[in-house]
PDB file of N, CA and C in Angstrom:
ATOM      1  N   MET A   1       5.816 -31.759  38.632  1.00  0.00           N
ATOM      2  CA  MET A   1       5.855 -32.015  37.282  1.00  0.00           C
ATOM      3  C   MET A   1       6.115 -30.656  36.220  1.00  0.00           C
ATOM      4  N   PHE A   2       5.756 -29.363  36.800  1.00  0.00           N
ATOM      5  CA  PHE A   2       6.030 -28.343  35.592  1.00  0.00           C
ATOM      6  C   PHE A   2       7.772 -27.997  35.930  1.00  0.00           C
ATOM      7  N   THR A   3       8.179 -28.344  36.803  1.00  0.00           N
ATOM      8  CA  THR A   3       9.774 -28.031  36.913  1.00  0.00           C
ATOM      9  C   THR A   3      10.671 -29.046  35.938  1.00  0.00           C
ATOM     10  N   ARG A   4       9.927 -30.358  36.038  1.00  0.00           N
ATOM     11  CA  ARG A   4      10.815 -31.177  35.244  1.00  0.00           C
ATOM     12  C   ARG A   4      10.519 -30.924  33.681  1.00  0.00           C
ATOM     13  N   ARG A   5       9.259 -30.567  33.474  1.00  0.00           N
ATOM     14  CA  ARG A   5       9.165 -30.494  31.860  1.00  0.00           C
ATOM     15  C   ARG A   5      10.002 -28.997  31.815  1.00  0.00           C
ATOM     16  N   LEU A   6      10.018 -27.965  32.753  1.00  0.00           N
ATOM     17  CA  LEU A   6      10.695 -27.033  31.882  1.00  0.00           C
ATOM     18  C   LEU A   6      11.885 -27.191  32.103  1.00  0.00           C
ATOM     19  N   ILE A   7      12.827 -27.878  32.745  1.00  0.00           N
ATOM     20  CA  ILE A   7      14.243 -28.549  32.492  1.00  0.00           C
ATOM     21  C   ILE A   7      14.132 -29.280  31.727  1.00  0.00           C
ATOM     22  N   PHE A   8      13.224 -30.261  30.873  1.00  0.00           N
ATOM     23  CA  PHE A   8      13.409 -30.683  29.972  1.00  0.00           C
ATOM     24  C   PHE A   8      13.306 -29.879  28.611  1.00  0.00           C
ATOM     25  N   ILE A   9      12.613 -29.240  28.658  1.00  0.00           N
ATOM     26  CA  ILE A   9      12.482 -27.992  27.481  1.00  0.00           C
ATOM     27  C   ILE A   9      13.723 -27.284  27.314  1.00  0.00           C
ATOM     28  N   VAL A  10      14.243 -26.741  28.320  1.00  0.00           N
ATOM     29  CA  VAL A  10      15.356 -25.632  28.364  1.00  0.00           C
ATOM     30  C   VAL A  10      16.640 -26.622  27.967  1.00  0.00           C
ATOM     31  N   SER A  11      16.947 -27.735  28.452  1.00  0.00           N
ATOM     32  CA  SER A  11      17.901 -28.673  28.134  1.00  0.00           C
ATOM     33  C   SER A  11      18.008 -29.005  26.544  1.00  0.00           C
ATOM     34  N   PHE A  12      16.704 -29.289  26.330  1.00  0.00           N
ATOM     35  CA  PHE A  12      16.400 -29.505  24.714  1.00  0.00           C
ATOM     36  C   PHE A  12      16.735 -28.466  23.992  1.00  0.00           C
ATOM     37  N   LEU A  13      16.356 -27.025  24.409  1.00  0.00           N
ATOM     38  CA  LEU A  13      16.481 -26.191  22.884  1.00  0.00           C
ATOM     39  C   LEU A  13      18.159 -26.249  23.074  1.00  0.00           C
ATOM     40  N   ILE A  14      18.889 -26.028  24.516  1.00  0.00           N
ATOM     41  CA  ILE A  14      20.221 -26.102  24.380  1.00  0.00           C
ATOM     42  C   ILE A  14      21.119 -26.740  23.861  1.00  0.00           C
ATOM     43  N   PHE A  15      20.594 -28.022  23.548  1.00  0.00           N
ATOM     44  CA  PHE A  15      21.334 -29.020  23.061  1.00  0.00           C
ATOM     45  C   PHE A  15      21.202 -28.835  21.777  1.00  0.00           C
ATOM     46  N   TRP A  16      19.887 -28.197  21.389  1.00  0.00           N
ATOM     47  CA  TRP A  16      19.804 -28.350  19.397  1.00  0.00           C
ATOM     48  C   TRP A  16      20.435 -26.980  19.264  1.00  0.00           C
ATOM     49  N   ALA A  17      20.597 -25.900  20.048  1.00  0.00           N
ATOM     50  CA  ALA A  17      21.202 -24.705  19.839  1.00  0.00           C
ATOM     51  C   ALA A  17      22.617 -25.104  19.586  1.00  0.00           C
ATOM     52  N   VAL A  18      23.432 -25.926  20.278  1.00  0.00           N
ATOM     53  CA  VAL A  18      24.715 -26.447  20.063  1.00  0.00           C
ATOM     54  C   VAL A  18      25.178 -27.152  19.052  1.00  0.00           C
ATOM     55  N   VAL A  19      24.051 -28.273  18.515  1.00  0.00           N
ATOM     56  CA  VAL A  19      24.391 -29.054  17.364  1.00  0.00           C
ATOM     57  C   VAL A  19      23.933 -28.122  16.120  1.00  0.00           C
ATOM     58  N   ALA A  20      23.404 -27.018  16.242  1.00  0.00           N
ATOM     59  CA  ALA A  20      22.920 -25.932  14.975  1.00  0.00           C
ATOM     60  C   ALA A  20      24.144 -24.938  14.969  1.00  0.00           C
ATOM     61  N   ALA A  21      24.816 -24.804  15.990  1.00  0.00           N
ATOM     62  CA  ALA A  21      25.758 -23.896  15.789  1.00  0.00           C
ATOM     63  C   ALA A  21      26.867 -24.744  15.401  1.00  0.00           C
ATOM     64  N   SER A  22      27.397 -25.628  15.715  1.00  0.00           N
ATOM     65  CA  SER A  22      28.174 -26.812  15.438  1.00  0.00           C
ATOM     66  C   SER A  22      28.382 -26.938  13.545  1.00  0.00           C
ATOM     67  N   ALA A  23      26.763 -27.402  13.379  1.00  0.00           N
ATOM     68  CA  ALA A  23      26.747 -27.713  12.300  1.00  0.00           C
ATOM     69  C   ALA A  23      26.934 -26.307  11.243  1.00  0.00           C
ATOM     70  N   LEU A  24      26.603 -25.209  11.661  1.00  0.00           N
ATOM     71  CA  LEU A  24      26.912 -24.307  10.867  1.00  0.00           C
ATOM     72  C   LEU A  24      28.308 -23.912  10.754  1.00  0.00           C
ATOM     73  N   VAL A  25      29.411 -24.199  11.776  1.00  0.00           N
ATOM     74  CA  VAL A  25      30.532 -23.636  11.716  1.00  0.00           C
ATOM     75  C   VAL A  25      31.413 -24.851  10.719  1.00  0.00           C
ATOM     76  N   ALA A  26      30.859 -25.891  10.714  1.00  0.00           N
ATOM     77  CA  ALA A  26      31.439 -26.910  10.099  1.00  0.00           C
ATOM     78  C   ALA A  26      31.226 -27.040   8.565  1.00  0.00           C
ATOM     79  N   GLY A  27      29.771 -26.530   8.744  1.00  0.00           N
ATOM     80  CA  GLY A  27      29.437 -26.109   7.212  1.00  0.00           C
ATOM     81  C   GLY A  27      30.210 -25.325   6.052  1.00  0.00           C
ATOM     82  N   LEU A  28      30.664 -24.365   7.210  1.00  0.00           N
ATOM     83  CA  LEU A  28      31.055 -22.980   6.651  1.00  0.00           C
ATOM     84  C   LEU A  28      32.762 -23.064   6.245  1.00  0.00           C
ATOM     85  N   SER A  29      33.242 -24.035   7.093  1.00  0.00           N
ATOM     86  CA  SER A  29      34.607 -24.525   6.970  1.00  0.00           C
ATOM     87  C   SER A  29      34.953 -25.075   5.777  1.00  0.00           C
ATOM     88  N   THR A  30      34.121 -25.915   5.091  1.00  0.00           N
ATOM     89  CA  THR A  30      34.133 -26.495   3.774  1.00  0.00           C
ATOM     90  C   THR A  30      34.694 -25.438   2.684  1.00  0.00           C
ATOM     91  N   SER A  31      34.977 -26.226   1.646  1.00  0.00           N
ATOM     92  CA  SER A  31      35.416 -25.318   0.419  1.00  0.00           C
ATOM     93  C   SER A  31      33.929 -23.851  -0.033  1.00  0.00           C
ATOM     94  N   PRO A  32      32.709 -24.730  -0.461  1.00  0.00           N
ATOM     95  CA  PRO A  32      31.950 -23.882  -0.634  1.00  0.00           C
ATOM     96  C   PRO A  32      31.415 -22.937   0.553  1.00  0.00           C
ATOM     97  N   GLY A  33      31.223 -23.514   1.937  1.00  0.00           N
ATOM     98  CA  GLY A  33      31.165 -22.280   2.669  1.00  0.00           C
ATOM     99  C   GLY A  33      32.351 -21.321   3.102  1.00  0.00           C
ATOM    100  N   MET A  34      33.633 -21.884   2.720  1.00  0.00           N
ATOM    101  CA  MET A  34      34.150 -20.717   2.770  1.00  0.00           C
ATOM    102  C   MET A  34      34.110 -19.521   1.650  1.00  0.00           C
ATOM    103  N   ASP A  35      33.634 -20.181   0.517  1.00  0.00           N
ATOM    104  CA  ASP A  35      33.501 -19.292  -0.748  1.00  0.00           C
ATOM    105  C   ASP A  35      32.219 -18.145  -0.373  1.00  0.00           C
ATOM    106  N   LEU A  36      31.389 -18.939   0.482  1.00  0.00           N
ATOM    107  CA  LEU A  36      30.173 -18.174   0.713  1.00  0.00           C
ATOM    108  C   LEU A  36      30.710 -17.157   1.847  1.00  0.00           C
ATOM    109  N   VAL A  37      31.167 -17.480   2.701  1.00  0.00           N
ATOM    110  CA  VAL A  37      32.027 -16.287   3.967  1.00  0.00           C
ATOM    111  C   VAL A  37      32.818 -15.389   2.745  1.00  0.00           C
ATOM    112  N   ARG A  38      33.774 -15.630   1.841  1.00  0.00           N
ATOM    113  CA  ARG A  38      34.524 -14.804   1.227  1.00  0.00           C
ATOM    114  C   ARG A  38      33.681 -13.841   0.304  1.00  0.00           C
ATOM    115  N   LYS A  39      32.595 -14.092  -0.122  1.00  0.00           N
ATOM    116  CA  LYS A  39      31.678 -13.644  -0.658  1.00  0.00           C
ATOM    117  C   LYS A  39      30.940 -12.342   0.095  1.00  0.00           C
ATOM    118  N   GLY A  40      30.639 -12.895   1.300  1.00  0.00           N
ATOM    119  CA  GLY A  40      29.693 -12.359   2.403  1.00  0.00           C
ATOM    120  C   GLY A  40      30.694 -11.003   2.600  1.00  0.00           C
ATOM    121  N   VAL A  41      32.122 -11.160   2.947  1.00  0.00           N
ATOM    122  CA  VAL A  41      33.388 -10.328   3.348  1.00  0.00           C
ATOM    123  C   VAL A  41      33.508  -9.331   2.462  1.00  0.00           C
ATOM    124  N   GLN A  42      33.243  -9.744   1.182  1.00  0.00           N
ATOM    125  CA  GLN A  42      33.370  -8.659   0.227  1.00  0.00           C
ATOM    126  C   GLN A  42      32.359  -7.802  -0.129  1.00  0.00           C
ATOM    127  N   TRP A  43      31.163  -8.502   0.037  1.00  0.00           N
ATOM    128  CA  TRP A  43      30.173  -7.902   0.032  1.00  0.00           C
ATOM    129  C   TRP A  43      30.019  -6.524   1.201  1.00  0.00           C
ATOM    130  N   ALA A  44      30.156  -7.245   2.424  1.00  0.00           N
ATOM    131  CA  ALA A  44      30.433  -6.067   3.320  1.00  0.00           C
ATOM    132  C   ALA A  44      31.206  -4.979   3.214  1.00  0.00           C
ATOM    133  N   GLY A  45      32.604  -5.414   2.733  1.00  0.00           N
ATOM    134  CA  GLY A  45      33.534  -4.435   2.550  1.00  0.00           C
ATOM    135  C   GLY A  45      33.153  -3.249   1.398  1.00  0.00           C
ATOM    136  N   ASP A  46      32.498  -3.817   0.525  1.00  0.00           N
ATOM    137  CA  ASP A  46      32.237  -2.971  -0.876  1.00  0.00           C
ATOM    138  C   ASP A  46      30.846  -1.864  -0.231  1.00  0.00           C
ATOM    139  N   ARG A  47      29.814  -2.331   0.494  1.00  0.00           N
ATOM    140  CA  ARG A  47      28.945  -1.649   1.398  1.00  0.00           C
ATOM    141  C   ARG A  47      29.560  -0.671   2.295  1.00  0.00           C
ATOM    142  N   TYR A  48      30.453  -0.841   3.010  1.00  0.00           N
ATOM    143  CA  TYR A  48      30.611   0.051   4.559  1.00  0.00           C
ATOM    144  C   TYR A  48      31.916   0.719   4.214  1.00  0.00           C
ATOM    145  N   LEU A  49      32.496   0.326   2.874  1.00  0.00           N
ATOM    146  CA  LEU A  49      33.561   0.778   3.056  1.00  0.00           C
ATOM    147  C   LEU A  49      33.764   1.558   1.872  1.00  0.00           C
ATOM    148  N   ASN A  50      34.795   2.741   2.013  1.00  0.00           N
ATOM    149  CA  ASN A  50      34.762   3.597   0.366  1.00  0.00           C
ATOM    150  C   ASN A  50      35.438   3.028  -0.616  1.00  0.00           C
ATOM    151  N   GLY A  51      35.105   1.861  -1.191  1.00  0.00           N
ATOM    152  CA  GLY A  51      35.811   1.029  -2.160  1.00  0.00           C
ATOM    153  C   GLY A  51      35.500  -0.219  -2.427  1.00  0.00           C
ATOM    154  N   THR A  52      36.335  -0.702  -3.598  1.00  0.00           N
ATOM    155  CA  THR A  52      36.083  -2.101  -3.600  1.00  0.00           C
ATOM    156  C   THR A  52      36.762  -3.359  -3.373  1.00  0.00           C
ATOM    157  N   VAL A  53      36.521  -4.223  -2.212  1.00  0.00           N
ATOM    158  CA  VAL A  53      37.292  -5.197  -1.506  1.00  0.00           C
ATOM    159  C   VAL A  53      37.074  -6.599  -2.322  1.00  0.00           C
ATOM    160  N   ALA A  54      38.311  -7.252  -2.694  1.00  0.00           N
ATOM    161  CA  ALA A  54      38.581  -8.069  -3.768  1.00  0.00           C
ATOM    162  C   ALA A  54      39.023  -9.273  -2.666  1.00  0.00           C
ATOM    163  N   ILE A  55      38.800 -10.636  -2.601  1.00  0.00           N
ATOM    164  CA  ILE A  55      39.601 -11.545  -1.744  1.00  0.00           C
ATOM    165  C   ILE A  55      39.841 -13.105  -2.843  1.00  0.00           C
ATOM    166  N   GLY A  56      40.986 -13.065  -3.288  1.00  0.00           N
ATOM    167  CA  GLY A  56      40.996 -13.972  -4.503  1.00  0.00           C
ATOM    168  C   GLY A  56      40.762 -15.306  -3.828  1.00  0.00           C
ATOM    169  N   ARG A  57      41.404 -15.845  -2.584  1.00  0.00           N
ATOM    170  CA  ARG A  57      40.892 -17.293  -1.947  1.00  0.00           C
ATOM    171  C   ARG A  57      40.628 -17.224  -0.536  1.00  0.00           C
ATOM    172  N   LEU A  58      39.867 -17.885   0.178  1.00  0.00           N
ATOM    173  CA  LEU A  58      40.186 -18.156   1.942  1.00  0.00           C
ATOM    174  C   LEU A  58      40.280 -19.439   2.184  1.00  0.00           C
ATOM    175  N   ASP A  59      41.031 -19.856   3.009  1.00  0.00           N
ATOM    176  CA  ASP A  59      41.498 -21.100   3.024  1.00  0.00           C
ATOM    177  C   ASP A  59      41.384 -21.452   4.699  1.00  0.00           C
ATOM    178  N   GLY A  60      41.623 -22.457   5.337  1.00  0.00           N
ATOM    179  CA  GLY A  60      41.507 -22.641   6.862  1.00  0.00           C
ATOM    180  C   GLY A  60      40.222 -23.236   7.674  1.00  0.00           C
ATOM    181  N   ASN A  61      39.721 -23.073   8.516  1.00  0.00           N
ATOM    182  CA  ASN A  61      38.581 -23.013   9.096  1.00  0.00           C
ATOM    183  C   ASN A  61      38.091 -21.946  10.158  1.00  0.00           C
ATOM    184  N   LEU A  62      36.950 -22.058  10.520  1.00  0.00           N
ATOM    185  CA  LEU A  62      36.307 -20.884  11.589  1.00  0.00           C
ATOM    186  C   LEU A  62      36.623 -20.957  13.047  1.00  0.00           C
ATOM    187  N   TRP A  63      37.309 -22.346  13.268  1.00  0.00           N
ATOM    188  CA  TRP A  63      37.947 -22.236  14.765  1.00  0.00           C
ATOM    189  C   TRP A  63      38.989 -21.571  15.295  1.00  0.00           C
ATOM    190  N   SER A  64      40.150 -21.711  14.068  1.00  0.00           N
ATOM    191  CA  SER A  64      41.344 -21.429  15.164  1.00  0.00           C
ATOM    192  C   SER A  64      42.190 -20.187  13.931  1.00  0.00           C
ATOM    193  N   SER A  65      41.840 -20.381  12.190  1.00  0.00           N
ATOM    194  CA  SER A  65      42.951 -19.656  11.648  1.00  0.00           C
ATOM    195  C   SER A  65      41.846 -19.436  10.267  1.00  0.00           C
ATOM    196  N   ILE A  66      42.551 -18.522   9.507  1.00  0.00           N
ATOM    197  CA  ILE A  66      41.962 -18.328   8.234  1.00  0.00           C
ATOM    198  C   ILE A  66      43.177 -17.671   7.436  1.00  0.00           C
ATOM    199  N   ARG A  67      43.386 -18.140   6.011  1.00  0.00           N
ATOM    200  CA  ARG A  67      44.416 -17.976   5.349  1.00  0.00           C
ATOM    201  C   ARG A  67      43.688 -17.324   3.830  1.00  0.00           C
ATOM    202  N   VAL A  68      44.374 -15.969   3.959  1.00  0.00           N
ATOM    203  CA  VAL A  68      43.748 -15.458   2.869  1.00  0.00           C
ATOM    204  C   VAL A  68      44.838 -14.885   1.883  1.00  0.00           C
ATOM    205  N   THR A  69      44.299 -15.181   0.369  1.00  0.00           N
ATOM    206  CA  THR A  69      45.555 -15.329  -0.807  1.00  0.00           C
ATOM    207  C   THR A  69      44.447 -13.741  -1.695  1.00  0.00           C
ATOM    208  N   ASP A  70      45.685 -12.888  -1.999  1.00  0.00           N
ATOM    209  CA  ASP A  70      45.098 -11.820  -3.012  1.00  0.00           C
ATOM    210  C   ASP A  70      44.230 -11.337  -2.416  1.00  0.00           C
ATOM    211  N   LEU A  71      44.397 -10.095  -1.293  1.00  0.00           N
ATOM    212  CA  LEU A  71      43.171  -9.333  -0.675  1.00  0.00           C
ATOM    213  C   LEU A  71      43.651  -8.135  -1.256  1.00  0.00           C
ATOM    214  N   THR A  72      42.685  -7.322  -2.071  1.00  0.00           N
ATOM    215  CA  THR A  72      43.150  -6.019  -2.294  1.00  0.00           C
ATOM    216  C   THR A  72      41.881  -5.143  -1.731  1.00  0.00           C
ATOM    217  N   MET A  73      42.047  -3.929  -1.725  1.00  0.00           N
ATOM    218  CA  MET A  73      41.154  -2.735  -1.803  1.00  0.00           C
ATOM    219  C   MET A  73      41.228  -1.467  -2.548  1.00  0.00           C
ATOM    220  N   THR A  74      40.330  -1.408  -3.777  1.00  0.00           N
ATOM    221  CA  THR A  74      40.758  -0.297  -4.507  1.00  0.00           C
ATOM    222  C   THR A  74      39.569   0.731  -4.370  1.00  0.00           C
ATOM    223  N   LEU A  75      39.902   1.877  -4.350  1.00  0.00           N
ATOM    224  CA  LEU A  75      39.133   3.295  -4.524  1.00  0.00           C
ATOM    225  C   LEU A  75      38.170   3.098  -5.365  1.00  0.00           C
ATOM    226  N   PRO A  76      37.120   3.564  -5.266  1.00  0.00           N
ATOM    227  CA  PRO A  76      36.225   3.952  -6.543  1.00  0.00           C
ATOM    228  C   PRO A  76      36.650   4.746  -7.436  1.00  0.00           C
ATOM    229  N   ASP A  77      36.118   4.842  -8.907  1.00  0.00           N
ATOM    230  CA  ASP A  77      36.901   5.400 -10.053  1.00  0.00           C
ATOM    231  C   ASP A  77      36.458   6.987  -9.731  1.00  0.00           C
ATOM    232  N   SER A  78      35.906   7.491  -9.034  1.00  0.00           N
ATOM    233  CA  SER A  78      35.699   9.020  -8.833  1.00  0.00           C
ATOM    234  C   SER A  78      36.571   9.358  -7.925  1.00  0.00           C
ATOM    235  N   LEU A  79      37.357   8.343  -7.142  1.00  0.00           N
ATOM    236  CA  LEU A  79      38.440   8.912  -6.483  1.00  0.00           C
ATOM    237  C   LEU A  79      39.588   8.241  -6.727  1.00  0.00           C
ATOM    238  N   GLY A  80      39.745   8.149  -8.426  1.00  0.00           N
ATOM    239  CA  GLY A  80      41.160   7.673  -8.967  1.00  0.00           C
ATOM    240  C   GLY A  80      41.138   6.299  -9.232  1.00  0.00           C
ATOM    241  N   GLY A  81      40.541   5.479  -8.403  1.00  0.00           N
ATOM    242  CA  GLY A  81      40.540   3.833  -8.737  1.00  0.00           C
ATOM    243  C   GLY A  81      41.709   2.992  -8.280  1.00  0.00           C
ATOM    244  N   ASP A  82      42.400   3.759  -7.652  1.00  0.00           N
ATOM    245  CA  ASP A  82      43.640   3.304  -6.806  1.00  0.00           C
ATOM    246  C   ASP A  82      43.674   2.389  -6.234  1.00  0.00           C
ATOM    247  N   GLU A  83      44.732   1.265  -5.903  1.00  0.00           N
ATOM    248  CA  GLU A  83      44.732   0.245  -5.090  1.00  0.00           C
ATOM    249  C   GLU A  83      45.397   0.828  -3.986  1.00  0.00           C
ATOM    250  N   VAL A  84      44.608   1.000  -2.774  1.00  0.00           N
ATOM    251  CA  VAL A  84      45.236   1.439  -1.408  1.00  0.00           C
ATOM    252  C   VAL A  84      45.865   0.340  -0.549  1.00  0.00           C
ATOM    253  N   LEU A  85      45.221  -1.093  -0.638  1.00  0.00           N
ATOM    254  CA  LEU A  85      45.672  -1.970   0.050  1.00  0.00           C
ATOM    255  C   LEU A  85      45.633  -3.141  -0.832  1.00  0.00           C
ATOM    256  N   GLY A  86      46.921  -4.440  -0.646  1.00  0.00           N
ATOM    257  CA  GLY A  86      46.903  -5.299  -0.954  1.00  0.00           C
ATOM    258  C   GLY A  86      48.135  -6.277  -0.178  1.00  0.00           C
ATOM    259  N   ALA A  87      47.538  -7.490  -0.185  1.00  0.00           N
ATOM    260  CA  ALA A  87      48.261  -8.282   0.443  1.00  0.00           C
ATOM    261  C   ALA A  87      48.122  -9.972  -0.584  1.00  0.00           C
ATOM    262  N   LYS A  88      49.045 -10.355  -0.893  1.00  0.00           N
ATOM    263  CA  LYS A  88      49.383 -11.345  -1.501  1.00  0.00           C
ATOM    264  C   LYS A  88      48.806 -12.738  -0.693  1.00  0.00           C
ATOM    265  N   ASN A  89      49.720 -12.941   0.397  1.00  0.00           N
ATOM    266  CA  ASN A  89      49.282 -14.138   1.185  1.00  0.00           C
ATOM    267  C   ASN A  89      48.931 -13.273   2.726  1.00  0.00           C
ATOM    268  N   GLY A  90      48.158 -13.697   3.616  1.00  0.00           N
ATOM    269  CA  GLY A  90      47.979 -13.219   4.807  1.00  0.00           C
ATOM    270  C   GLY A  90      47.324 -14.693   5.715  1.00  0.00           C
ATOM    271  N   GLU A  91      47.561 -14.515   7.070  1.00  0.00           N
ATOM    272  CA  GLU A  91      47.153 -15.688   7.943  1.00  0.00           C
ATOM    273  C   GLU A  91      46.792 -14.763   9.117  1.00  0.00           C
ATOM    274  N   LEU A  92      45.413 -15.184   9.517  1.00  0.00           N
ATOM    275  CA  LEU A  92      44.987 -14.325  10.883  1.00  0.00           C
ATOM    276  C   LEU A  92      44.989 -15.655  11.933  1.00  0.00           C
ATOM    277  N   ILE A  93      45.288 -16.109  12.674  1.00  0.00           N
ATOM    278  CA  ILE A  93      45.169 -17.008  13.790  1.00  0.00           C
ATOM    279  C   ILE A  93      44.772 -16.361  15.167  1.00  0.00           C
ATOM    280  N   PHE A  94      43.269 -17.108  15.347  1.00  0.00           N
ATOM    281  CA  PHE A  94      42.818 -16.904  16.370  1.00  0.00           C
ATOM    282  C   PHE A  94      41.919 -17.917  17.423  1.00  0.00           C
ATOM    283  N   ASN A  95      41.435 -17.230  18.435  1.00  0.00           N
ATOM    284  CA  ASN A  95      41.107 -18.592  19.449  1.00  0.00           C
ATOM    285  C   ASN A  95      39.059 -18.138  19.529  1.00  0.00           C
ATOM    286  N   LEU A  96      38.199 -19.174  18.757  1.00  0.00           N
ATOM    287  CA  LEU A  96      37.273 -18.586  18.898  1.00  0.00           C
ATOM    288  C   LEU A  96      36.486 -18.620  19.862  1.00  0.00           C
ATOM    289  N   LEU A  97      36.643 -18.999  21.124  1.00  0.00           N
ATOM    290  CA  LEU A  97      36.229 -19.098  22.549  1.00  0.00           C
ATOM    291  C   LEU A  97      36.626 -17.585  23.077  1.00  0.00           C
ATOM    292  N   ASN A  98      37.928 -17.166  22.524  1.00  0.00           N
ATOM    293  CA  ASN A  98      38.164 -15.605  23.218  1.00  0.00           C
ATOM    294  C   ASN A  98      37.386 -14.688  22.078  1.00  0.00           C
ATOM    295  N   LEU A  99      36.429 -15.056  21.480  1.00  0.00           N
ATOM    296  CA  LEU A  99      36.295 -14.203  20.150  1.00  0.00           C
ATOM    297  C   LEU A  99      35.711 -12.444  20.825  1.00  0.00           C
ATOM    298  N   PHE A 100      35.105 -12.607  21.873  1.00  0.00           N
ATOM    299  CA  PHE A 100      34.585 -11.473  22.523  1.00  0.00           C
ATOM    300  C   PHE A 100      35.300 -11.093  23.630  1.00  0.00           C
ATOM    301  N   SER A 101      36.209 -11.379  24.025  1.00  0.00           N
ATOM    302  CA  SER A 101      37.261 -11.010  25.057  1.00  0.00           C
ATOM    303  C   SER A 101      38.105  -9.747  24.424  1.00  0.00           C
ATOM    304  N   GLU A 102      38.884  -9.066  24.916  1.00  0.00           N
ATOM    305  CA  GLU A 102      39.987  -7.993  24.578  1.00  0.00           C
ATOM    306  C   GLU A 102      40.662  -8.408  23.453  1.00  0.00           C
ATOM    307  N   GLU A 103      41.724  -9.659  23.156  1.00  0.00           N
ATOM    308  CA  GLU A 103      42.678  -9.812  22.613  1.00  0.00           C
ATOM    309  C   GLU A 103      42.226 -11.357  21.639  1.00  0.00           C
ATOM    310  N   PRO A 104      40.924 -11.556  20.924  1.00  0.00           N
ATOM    311  CA  PRO A 104      40.806 -12.728  20.338  1.00  0.00           C
ATOM    312  C   PRO A 104      41.929 -13.157  19.255  1.00  0.00           C
ATOM    313  N   VAL A 105      42.448 -12.181  18.619  1.00  0.00           N
ATOM    314  CA  VAL A 105      43.729 -12.450  17.805  1.00  0.00           C
ATOM    315  C   VAL A 105      44.635 -12.998  17.973  1.00  0.00           C
ATOM    316  N   GLN A 106      45.239 -13.691  17.923  1.00  0.00           N
ATOM    317  CA  GLN A 106      46.677 -14.409  18.463  1.00  0.00           C
ATOM    318  C   GLN A 106      47.677 -13.590  17.702  1.00  0.00           C
ATOM    319  N   ASN A 107      47.776 -14.206  16.521  1.00  0.00           N
ATOM    320  CA  ASN A 107      48.616 -14.012  15.769  1.00  0.00           C
ATOM    321  C   ASN A 107      48.240 -13.405  14.226  1.00  0.00           C
ATOM    322  N   TYR A 108      48.882 -12.401  13.505  1.00  0.00           N
ATOM    323  CA  TYR A 108      48.552 -12.458  12.152  1.00  0.00           C
ATOM    324  C   TYR A 108      49.833 -11.838  11.260  1.00  0.00           C
ATOM    325  N   SER A 109      49.742 -12.563  10.113  1.00  0.00           N
ATOM    326  CA  SER A 109      51.196 -12.262   9.221  1.00  0.00           C
ATOM    327  C   SER A 109      50.759 -12.065   7.839  1.00  0.00           C
ATOM    328  N   GLY A 110      51.463 -11.417   7.115  1.00  0.00           N
ATOM    329  CA  GLY A 110      50.990 -11.239   5.848  1.00  0.00           C
ATOM    330  C   GLY A 110      50.414 -10.026   5.130  1.00  0.00           C
ATOM    331  N   PHE A 111      49.825  -9.146   6.148  1.00  0.00           N
ATOM    332  CA  PHE A 111      48.906  -8.362   6.031  1.00  0.00           C
ATOM    333  C   PHE A 111      49.547  -6.671   6.048  1.00  0.00           C
ATOM    334  N   ALA A 112      51.140  -6.910   5.662  1.00  0.00           N
ATOM    335  CA  ALA A 112      51.437  -5.404   5.726  1.00  0.00           C
ATOM    336  C   ALA A 112      52.347  -4.825   4.436  1.00  0.00           C
ATOM    337  N   THR A 113      51.442  -5.051   3.036  1.00  0.00           N
ATOM    338  CA  THR A 113      51.918  -4.687   1.802  1.00  0.00           C
ATOM    339  C   THR A 113      50.630  -3.385   1.646  1.00  0.00           C
ATOM    340  N   PHE A 114      51.133  -2.232   2.022  1.00  0.00           N
ATOM    341  CA  PHE A 114      50.171  -1.292   1.464  1.00  0.00           C
ATOM    342  C   PHE A 114      51.017  -0.575   0.507  1.00  0.00           C
ATOM    343  N   HIS A 115      50.119   0.242  -0.384  1.00  0.00           N
ATOM    344  CA  HIS A 115      50.534   0.888  -1.986  1.00  0.00           C
ATOM    345  C   HIS A 115      50.193   2.106  -1.246  1.00  0.00           C
ATOM    346  N   LYS A 116      50.874   3.300  -1.810  1.00  0.00           N
ATOM    347  CA  LYS A 116      50.686   4.485  -1.741  1.00  0.00           C
ATOM    348  C   LYS A 116      49.721   4.805  -3.252  1.00  0.00           C
ATOM    349  N   PRO A 117      48.561   5.682  -3.009  1.00  0.00           N
ATOM    350  CA  PRO A 117      47.984   6.186  -4.314  1.00  0.00           C
ATOM    351  C   PRO A 117      48.909   6.976  -5.105  1.00  0.00           C
ATOM    352  N   GLN A 118      48.680   7.270  -6.161  1.00  0.00           N
ATOM    353  CA  GLN A 118      49.441   7.913  -7.505  1.00  0.00           C
ATOM    354  C   GLN A 118      48.933   9.084  -7.046  1.00  0.00           C
ATOM    355  N   GLY A 119      49.808  10.477  -6.702  1.00  0.00           N
ATOM    356  CA  GLY A 119      49.306  11.445  -6.839  1.00  0.00           C
ATOM    357  C   GLY A 119      49.211  11.798  -5.491  1.00  0.00           C
ATOM    358  N   ALA A 120      49.640  11.166  -4.374  1.00  0.00           N
ATOM    359  CA  ALA A 120      49.430  11.568  -3.005  1.00  0.00           C
ATOM    360  C   ALA A 120      50.689  11.650  -2.409  1.00  0.00           C
TER     361      ALA A 120
END
């Protein structure tokens, strides 16, 4: 009796965890969800990098690819305020199932526009 109840509870929890994770990824793949992801990436970049990160637009889905438009990183005014990284368009193709493996990113393109700061 105890074993059946334990199996039922564990399978119930696993089922709802999969449903919740799928709903989260599907919800974040919508336009408002991608805007939320964009704002989160900008916030994390501003907080943990020495500069300001700006992303114009994110497209795609969180399952296989993300397209980035107008990606820039600018130094703070105390360091000159120069743009140090810029990409007009870029695409990151990955496999979500391989996210924690050695090589989750399968291809990337368009992220190679670097700007040399003035006076450097």
